[in-house]
Amino acid sequence: MGDLTMTVPGALLFGAFLLKLPALRRNPRDALLRCVCALLLLGSLVFLLAAVPVLAAINRLTGVPNLAAPLVYGVLSALSGVCIVLVIIWRGGTTERTRRACVRCLAAYGVVIVALAVLFALGDAPVERLRDLDTYYANTPYIREMIVLYLLAHTAAALVTSVLCWRWSLRVHGVLRAGLTLIVCGYLLNLGYDAAKLTAVAGRWTGHDLDWLSTRAARPMASASAFLIGGGFVFPLITHRVRAAWRTAVRHRRLKTLAHRLAGPAGRGGAGVAIGPWASMELRLTQREAAIHDGIIALRPYFDDEVHSRAESTALARGHSPARARIVADAAMIAAAAAARDAAPGRTAPTAGGGESGRPSTGADDLVRISLALRRSPVVRPARRRAAVSESSSP
């Protein structure tokens, strides 16, 4: 699989970080969001730094054989600490107690990072090993301790994070639970990675050659875990955005009939401020809703309480609930008022019928229901016809 086992998951995690970055810019004080972004960024750095060409370049540029190893181990340890902090904040919020726990966790992993650097400086690793450093130096003083320390720190973080995420997943549902399940599976693979590495190192201690566990089995598990963990964070985000975009598009389409009726013949060709063909659906929806509210205000002189009462009584007689009958009556009154306006435009004062007690609801969801009633309800069409005939026959 070559270096793709490192660069591809690194790119995936960095892409997930970029997806989260706009939210972080909008909410820079959100501790949970900061942890998520730090986890994704550090995770991408671990995989990109662990690619063999990058390891060789670091060693060559610094002139120190194997210096890339403690660098990667240090970033991995920082990632381990952030993983635990993330779950602590996720589970307990930003209380003083959770802050103290986070500080202790970060301090502990900070000590681990310093210890890794000290152990590497004390040890002797003159032969560059880009793929099998863990097993090659498994019996070398200080380097051996450095290897065991980073593996144990990583194992502890993976174990704690997987357990806490699993418990959290049992309390939630939907896409969040699916995302958490993916994250748990990813950390279980991390535990497999650590087990393979530790077994290979222990094999060297006992005189057995189990290097293949470290060089061939561990790397694919690490790569697969990155896909699962990155997917666990990205999946709920993408799903939320797709759902939000779908709801916006559906709402925009359902409001079309109401907007069309309120606009009148002169405005049906696309009245309003031009927003361009590349405008977002959110902007289009906002424009349509604003036009609807303006249209209702402009139509008030034509509202007739009698039309509203008659339509509401008819809807109730047809078996509609009171709330549904009210929506149908609002739609009928709007349809009748629009027909009257089209037949006799220019009215500025309401008729004797009023329009105050029967003023249509302008709630966000009610506007959608009114629009659907305009298109579907059999109560609306007769009211519109009567208003058009009445207005045209008036002197």
Protein backbone atom coordinates (compact mmCIF):
# COMPACT_ATOMS: atom_id res chain seq x y z
CA MET A 1 0.00 0.00 0.00
CA GLY A 2 3.07 2.21 0.19
CA ASP A 3 2.82 5.69 1.57
CA LEU A 4 -0.83 5.96 0.62
CA THR A 5 -1.57 4.29 3.95
CA MET A 6 -0.26 7.46 5.58
CA THR A 7 -1.01 10.30 3.15
CA VAL A 8 -4.61 9.39 2.30
CA PRO A 9 -5.91 9.24 5.89
CA GLY A 10 -3.85 12.34 6.69
CA ALA A 11 -5.55 14.17 3.83
CA LEU A 12 -8.96 12.93 4.99
CA LEU A 13 -8.44 14.23 8.51
CA PHE A 14 -7.12 17.54 7.19
CA GLY A 15 -10.18 17.83 4.96
CA ALA A 16 -12.40 17.25 7.98
CA PHE A 17 -10.45 19.97 9.79
CA LEU A 18 -11.10 22.39 6.93
CA LEU A 19 -14.81 21.58 7.10
CA LYS A 20 -14.83 22.45 10.79
CA LEU A 21 -12.70 25.58 10.43
CA PRO A 22 -15.54 27.98 9.41
CA ALA A 23 -17.51 26.97 12.50
CA LEU A 24 -14.42 27.59 14.66
CA ARG A 25 -14.04 31.07 13.18
CA ARG A 26 -17.66 31.84 14.06
CA ASN A 27 -17.34 30.39 17.58
CA PRO A 28 -13.68 30.75 18.64
CA ARG A 29 -14.53 30.35 22.33
CA ASP A 30 -16.32 27.03 21.91
CA ALA A 31 -14.06 24.67 23.86
CA LEU A 32 -15.55 21.52 22.36
CA LEU A 33 -15.15 22.83 18.83
CA ARG A 34 -11.56 23.83 19.52
CA CYS A 35 -10.81 20.30 20.70
CA VAL A 36 -12.41 18.75 17.64
CA CYS A 37 -10.37 20.97 15.33
CA ALA A 38 -7.17 20.27 17.29
CA LEU A 39 -7.83 16.53 17.10
CA LEU A 40 -8.39 16.59 13.35
CA LEU A 41 -5.35 18.80 12.71
CA LEU A 42 -3.02 16.78 14.95
CA GLY A 43 -4.35 13.54 13.46
CA SER A 44 -3.57 14.74 9.96
CA LEU A 45 -0.09 15.82 11.06
CA VAL A 46 0.64 12.42 12.58
CA PHE A 47 -0.12 10.61 9.33
CA LEU A 48 1.59 13.13 7.08
CA LEU A 49 4.72 13.20 9.25
CA ALA A 50 4.78 9.39 9.43
CA ALA A 51 5.04 9.01 5.65
CA VAL A 52 8.42 7.53 4.81
CA PRO A 53 9.57 10.36 2.47
CA VAL A 54 8.70 12.93 5.16
CA LEU A 55 10.56 10.94 7.83
CA ALA A 56 13.64 10.78 5.60
CA ALA A 57 13.42 14.48 4.79
CA ILE A 58 13.26 15.45 8.49
CA ASN A 59 16.26 13.29 9.31
CA ARG A 60 18.21 14.67 6.37
CA LEU A 61 17.40 18.32 7.04
CA THR A 62 18.25 18.10 10.75
CA GLY A 63 21.30 15.90 10.26
CA VAL A 64 20.18 13.68 13.19
CA PRO A 65 19.38 10.05 12.32
CA ASN A 66 15.87 9.08 13.43
CA LEU A 67 15.00 12.51 14.86
CA ALA A 68 11.69 12.22 13.02
CA ALA A 69 10.69 9.37 15.34
CA PRO A 70 10.38 11.36 18.61
CA LEU A 71 8.75 14.17 16.61
CA VAL A 72 6.03 11.84 15.36
CA TYR A 73 5.70 10.23 18.79
CA GLY A 74 5.34 13.66 20.38
CA VAL A 75 2.59 14.75 17.98
CA LEU A 76 0.87 11.39 18.52
CA SER A 77 1.02 11.90 22.29
CA ALA A 78 -0.42 15.40 21.93
CA LEU A 79 -3.21 13.88 19.85
CA SER A 80 -3.82 11.29 22.58
CA GLY A 81 -4.18 14.00 25.20
CA VAL A 82 -6.56 16.03 23.03
CA CYS A 83 -8.69 12.92 22.48
CA ILE A 84 -9.26 12.50 26.21
CA VAL A 85 -9.86 16.24 26.71
CA LEU A 86 -12.40 16.20 23.91
CA VAL A 87 -14.41 13.45 25.55
CA ILE A 88 -14.15 15.11 28.98
CA ILE A 89 -15.61 18.35 27.62
CA TRP A 90 -18.15 16.52 25.48
CA ARG A 91 -19.42 14.59 28.48
CA GLY A 92 -19.20 17.24 31.19
CA GLY A 93 -19.37 20.63 29.47
CA THR A 94 -17.14 23.52 30.49
CA THR A 95 -17.57 23.46 34.27
CA GLU A 96 -14.71 24.21 36.63
CA ARG A 97 -14.41 20.50 37.37
CA THR A 98 -14.00 19.57 33.71
CA ARG A 99 -11.50 22.39 33.23
CA ARG A 100 -9.33 20.99 36.02
CA ALA A 101 -9.57 17.51 34.52
CA CYS A 102 -8.55 18.86 31.11
CA VAL A 103 -5.58 20.74 32.57
CA ARG A 104 -4.40 17.62 34.39
CA CYS A 105 -4.74 15.51 31.26
CA LEU A 106 -2.86 17.99 29.06
CA ALA A 107 -0.19 18.36 31.73
CA ALA A 108 0.26 14.59 31.92
CA TYR A 109 0.68 14.26 28.17
CA GLY A 110 2.94 17.31 28.18
CA VAL A 111 5.19 15.42 30.60
CA VAL A 112 5.08 12.42 28.25
CA ILE A 113 6.20 14.57 25.32
CA VAL A 114 9.09 16.02 27.30
CA ALA A 115 10.06 12.55 28.48
CA LEU A 116 10.09 11.27 24.90
CA ALA A 117 12.51 14.00 23.89
CA VAL A 118 14.76 13.37 26.92
CA LEU A 119 14.83 9.60 26.36
CA PHE A 120 15.74 10.07 22.70
CA ALA A 121 18.54 12.46 23.65
CA LEU A 122 19.89 9.98 26.20
CA GLY A 123 19.69 7.02 23.84
CA ASP A 124 21.85 6.03 20.91
CA ALA A 125 20.14 5.42 17.57
CA PRO A 126 22.78 5.99 14.87
CA VAL A 127 21.26 3.77 12.16
CA GLU A 128 18.34 5.39 10.35
CA ARG A 129 15.27 3.15 10.40
CA LEU A 130 12.29 4.55 8.53
CA ARG A 131 9.90 1.58 8.81
CA ASP A 132 11.00 -0.64 11.69
CA LEU A 133 12.51 1.65 14.32
CA ASP A 134 10.22 0.24 17.03
CA THR A 135 11.52 -3.30 16.70
CA TYR A 136 15.07 -2.50 15.56
CA TYR A 137 15.78 -0.50 18.73
CA ALA A 138 13.52 -2.54 21.01
CA ASN A 139 16.48 -3.56 23.18
CA THR A 140 18.42 -0.28 23.07
CA PRO A 141 18.55 1.55 26.42
CA TYR A 142 16.45 4.73 26.61
CA ILE A 143 15.20 4.28 23.03
CA ARG A 144 13.39 1.18 24.27
CA GLU A 145 11.75 3.18 27.05
CA MET A 146 10.79 5.92 24.61
CA ILE A 147 9.04 3.40 22.37
CA VAL A 148 7.16 1.76 25.23
CA LEU A 149 6.16 5.15 26.69
CA TYR A 150 4.57 6.45 23.50
CA LEU A 151 2.75 3.17 22.90
CA LEU A 152 1.36 3.02 26.44
CA ALA A 153 0.28 6.68 26.31
CA HIS A 154 -1.46 6.07 23.01
CA THR A 155 -3.09 2.89 24.30
CA ALA A 156 -4.45 4.66 27.38
CA ALA A 157 -5.96 7.44 25.28
CA ALA A 158 -7.53 5.03 22.79
CA LEU A 159 -9.00 2.90 25.57
CA VAL A 160 -10.44 5.82 27.53
CA THR A 161 -11.81 7.55 24.43
CA SER A 162 -13.44 4.44 23.01
CA VAL A 163 -15.14 3.58 26.32
CA LEU A 164 -16.43 7.11 26.92
CA CYS A 165 -17.61 7.55 23.31
CA TRP A 166 -19.43 4.23 23.49
CA ARG A 167 -21.21 5.26 26.67
CA TRP A 168 -22.12 8.57 25.04
CA SER A 169 -23.48 6.82 21.96
CA LEU A 170 -25.96 4.90 24.12
CA ARG A 171 -27.57 8.20 25.17
CA VAL A 172 -28.11 9.72 21.72
CA HIS A 173 -29.76 8.68 18.49
CA GLY A 174 -29.66 9.29 14.77
CA VAL A 175 -26.63 10.50 12.86
CA LEU A 176 -24.82 11.55 16.05
CA ARG A 177 -24.99 7.99 17.33
CA ALA A 178 -23.80 6.68 13.95
CA GLY A 179 -20.87 9.11 14.03
CA LEU A 180 -19.94 8.10 17.56
CA THR A 181 -20.11 4.43 16.59
CA LEU A 182 -17.66 5.08 13.75
CA ILE A 183 -15.35 6.90 16.15
CA VAL A 184 -15.48 3.99 18.61
CA CYS A 185 -14.64 1.52 15.84
CA GLY A 186 -11.74 3.72 14.82
CA TYR A 187 -10.32 3.78 18.34
CA LEU A 188 -10.74 0.03 18.67
CA LEU A 189 -8.54 -0.28 15.59
CA ASN A 190 -6.09 2.05 17.32
CA LEU A 191 -6.00 -0.42 20.18
CA GLY A 192 -5.25 -3.13 17.62
CA TYR A 193 -2.41 -0.98 16.29
CA ASP A 194 -0.96 -0.59 19.78
CA ALA A 195 -1.34 -4.30 20.52
CA ALA A 196 0.48 -5.21 17.31
CA LYS A 197 3.32 -2.79 18.04
CA LEU A 198 3.71 -3.88 21.66
CA THR A 199 3.61 -7.57 20.70
CA ALA A 200 6.33 -7.06 18.11
CA VAL A 201 8.50 -5.17 20.60
CA ALA A 202 7.93 -7.83 23.28
CA GLY A 203 8.85 -10.45 20.70
CA ARG A 204 12.26 -8.81 20.36
CA TRP A 205 12.68 -8.93 24.13
CA THR A 206 11.99 -12.69 24.19
CA GLY A 207 14.05 -13.49 21.12
CA HIS A 208 11.15 -13.96 18.70
CA ASP A 209 10.84 -12.32 15.29
CA LEU A 210 7.38 -10.76 15.18
CA ASP A 211 8.46 -7.66 13.28
CA TRP A 212 5.75 -8.17 10.66
CA LEU A 213 3.14 -7.16 13.23
CA SER A 214 4.78 -3.74 13.48
CA THR A 215 5.75 -3.17 9.85
CA ARG A 216 2.90 -4.83 7.94
CA ALA A 217 -0.12 -5.24 10.26
CA ALA A 218 -0.03 -2.07 12.37
CA ARG A 219 0.14 0.53 9.59
CA PRO A 220 -3.04 -0.60 7.77
CA MET A 221 -4.92 -0.62 11.08
CA ALA A 222 -3.80 2.93 11.78
CA SER A 223 -4.92 4.02 8.33
CA ALA A 224 -8.31 2.35 8.65
CA SER A 225 -8.81 3.92 12.07
CA ALA A 226 -8.20 7.37 10.59
CA PHE A 227 -10.90 6.81 7.97
CA LEU A 228 -13.36 5.71 10.65
CA ILE A 229 -12.52 8.50 13.10
CA GLY A 230 -12.49 11.16 10.39
CA GLY A 231 -15.72 9.78 8.99
CA GLY A 232 -17.26 9.76 12.45
CA PHE A 233 -16.65 13.48 12.80
CA VAL A 234 -17.50 14.41 9.21
CA PHE A 235 -20.61 12.25 8.74
CA PRO A 236 -22.85 14.09 11.24
CA LEU A 237 -21.61 17.43 9.89
CA ILE A 238 -22.30 16.59 6.25
CA THR A 239 -25.62 14.96 7.09
CA HIS A 240 -26.70 18.03 9.05
CA ARG A 241 -25.79 20.30 6.14
CA VAL A 242 -27.55 18.11 3.58
CA ARG A 243 -30.67 17.95 5.71
CA ALA A 244 -30.65 21.70 6.27
CA ALA A 245 -30.21 22.36 2.54
CA TRP A 246 -33.01 19.92 1.71
CA ARG A 247 -35.39 21.53 4.22
CA THR A 248 -34.58 24.97 2.82
CA ALA A 249 -35.21 23.85 -0.76
CA VAL A 250 -38.47 22.12 0.15
CA ARG A 251 -39.68 25.16 2.07
CA HIS A 252 -38.78 27.47 -0.83
CA ARG A 253 -40.73 25.27 -3.26
CA ARG A 254 -43.77 24.94 -1.00
CA LEU A 255 -44.01 28.72 -0.57
CA LYS A 256 -44.10 29.24 -4.33
CA THR A 257 -47.91 29.18 -4.64
CA LEU A 258 -48.40 31.76 -1.89
CA ALA A 259 -45.67 34.03 -3.25
CA HIS A 260 -47.13 33.73 -6.76
CA ARG A 261 -50.64 34.59 -5.57
CA LEU A 262 -49.55 37.58 -3.51
CA ALA A 263 -47.38 39.01 -6.27
CA GLY A 264 -50.27 39.51 -8.66
CA PRO A 265 -50.06 39.55 -12.46
CA ALA A 266 -47.53 42.40 -12.52
CA GLY A 267 -45.11 40.71 -10.18
CA ARG A 268 -45.17 37.12 -11.40
CA GLY A 269 -42.35 37.60 -13.82
CA GLY A 270 -39.86 37.78 -10.96
CA ALA A 271 -40.43 40.91 -8.92
CA GLY A 272 -37.98 41.80 -6.22
CA VAL A 273 -34.29 42.46 -5.96
CA ALA A 274 -32.26 40.38 -8.40
CA ILE A 275 -29.95 38.03 -6.49
CA GLY A 276 -28.21 36.31 -9.37
CA PRO A 277 -28.18 32.70 -10.55
CA TRP A 278 -25.54 31.61 -8.04
CA ALA A 279 -27.33 32.88 -4.94
CA SER A 280 -27.67 30.36 -2.15
CA MET A 281 -30.98 28.67 -1.45
CA GLU A 282 -31.00 30.28 2.00
CA LEU A 283 -30.89 33.73 0.36
CA ARG A 284 -33.61 32.77 -2.10
CA LEU A 285 -35.81 31.56 0.74
CA THR A 286 -35.22 34.75 2.72
CA GLN A 287 -36.18 36.84 -0.31
CA ARG A 288 -39.32 34.80 -0.90
CA GLU A 289 -40.42 35.02 2.72
CA ALA A 290 -39.81 38.79 2.76
CA ALA A 291 -41.84 39.16 -0.43
CA ILE A 292 -44.69 37.15 1.14
CA HIS A 293 -44.79 39.33 4.24
CA ASP A 294 -44.78 42.48 2.08
CA GLY A 295 -47.50 40.99 -0.11
CA ILE A 296 -49.75 40.23 2.86
CA ILE A 297 -49.38 43.81 4.10
CA ALA A 298 -50.20 45.18 0.64
CA LEU A 299 -53.26 42.93 0.41
CA ARG A 300 -54.83 44.02 3.71
CA PRO A 301 -57.28 46.51 2.14
CA TYR A 302 -58.88 43.55 0.31
CA PHE A 303 -59.23 41.16 3.26
CA ASP A 304 -62.81 40.26 4.09
CA ASP A 305 -63.74 38.75 7.46
CA GLU A 306 -66.89 37.28 5.99
CA VAL A 307 -64.88 35.28 3.48
CA HIS A 308 -62.68 34.04 6.31
CA SER A 309 -65.62 33.02 8.52
CA ARG A 310 -67.45 31.26 5.72
CA ALA A 311 -64.35 29.33 4.64
CA GLU A 312 -63.57 28.35 8.24
CA SER A 313 -67.12 27.05 8.75
CA THR A 314 -66.93 25.08 5.51
CA ALA A 315 -63.59 23.56 6.50
CA LEU A 316 -64.93 22.56 9.91
CA ALA A 317 -67.98 20.99 8.26
CA ARG A 318 -65.61 18.94 6.08
CA GLY A 319 -64.02 17.47 9.22
CA HIS A 320 -60.91 19.62 9.53
CA SER A 321 -59.52 20.35 12.97
CA PRO A 322 -59.93 23.95 14.23
CA ALA A 323 -56.26 24.70 13.56
CA ARG A 324 -56.44 23.26 10.05
CA ALA A 325 -59.73 25.08 9.39
CA ARG A 326 -58.06 28.34 10.39
CA ILE A 327 -55.24 27.74 7.88
CA VAL A 328 -57.74 26.93 5.10
CA ALA A 329 -59.71 30.07 5.97
CA ASP A 330 -56.54 32.17 5.83
CA ALA A 331 -55.75 30.71 2.42
CA ALA A 332 -59.29 31.35 1.18
CA MET A 333 -59.21 34.96 2.39
CA ILE A 334 -55.84 35.55 0.72
CA ALA A 335 -57.05 33.98 -2.52
CA ALA A 336 -60.23 36.08 -2.47
CA ALA A 337 -58.31 39.25 -1.66
CA ALA A 338 -55.82 38.60 -4.46
CA ALA A 339 -58.68 38.03 -6.91
CA ALA A 340 -60.35 41.26 -5.77
CA ARG A 341 -57.08 43.16 -6.14
CA ASP A 342 -56.51 41.80 -9.63
CA ALA A 343 -60.04 42.84 -10.62
CA ALA A 344 -59.89 46.28 -9.00
CA PRO A 345 -56.34 47.32 -8.15
CA GLY A 346 -55.47 50.44 -6.19
CA ARG A 347 -57.60 50.10 -3.05
CA THR A 348 -55.97 51.71 -0.01
CA ALA A 349 -58.66 51.36 2.67
CA PRO A 350 -60.34 48.16 3.85
CA THR A 351 -63.94 47.39 2.96
CA ALA A 352 -66.71 47.27 5.53
CA GLY A 353 -65.86 43.58 5.92
CA GLY A 354 -62.78 44.52 7.91
CA GLY A 355 -59.81 42.19 7.67
CA GLU A 356 -58.69 42.66 11.29
CA SER A 357 -60.27 39.67 13.06
CA GLY A 358 -59.55 37.48 10.07
CA ARG A 359 -55.98 38.62 9.55
CA PRO A 360 -53.99 35.61 8.26
CA SER A 361 -51.32 33.98 10.37
CA THR A 362 -47.78 34.91 9.39
CA GLY A 363 -45.92 32.27 11.40
CA ALA A 364 -43.13 30.57 9.46
CA ASP A 365 -44.77 27.14 9.41
CA ASP A 366 -48.25 28.57 8.92
CA LEU A 367 -47.14 30.34 5.74
CA VAL A 368 -46.13 26.98 4.28
CA ARG A 369 -49.48 25.46 5.29
CA ILE A 370 -51.35 28.40 3.75
CA SER A 371 -49.39 28.00 0.53
CA LEU A 372 -50.22 24.29 0.35
CA ALA A 373 -53.90 25.02 1.09
CA LEU A 374 -53.96 27.55 -1.75
CA ARG A 375 -52.87 24.81 -4.11
CA ARG A 376 -54.83 21.86 -2.77
CA SER A 377 -57.87 22.85 -0.72
CA PRO A 378 -61.29 22.69 -2.48
CA VAL A 379 -62.51 25.38 -0.09
CA VAL A 380 -60.18 28.01 -1.55
CA ARG A 381 -61.22 27.96 -5.20
CA PRO A 382 -64.91 28.92 -4.66
CA ALA A 383 -63.90 31.82 -2.42
CA ARG A 384 -61.57 33.14 -5.07
CA ARG A 385 -64.17 32.87 -7.81
CA ARG A 386 -66.85 34.63 -5.74
CA ALA A 387 -64.48 37.49 -4.91
CA ALA A 388 -63.50 37.96 -8.54
CA VAL A 389 -67.14 37.97 -9.70
CA SER A 390 -68.21 40.29 -6.86
CA GLU A 391 -65.45 42.80 -7.51
CA SER A 392 -65.95 42.86 -11.26
CA SER A 393 -69.72 43.42 -10.88
CA SER A 394 -69.30 46.24 -8.34
CA PRO A 395 -69.96 49.76 -9.67
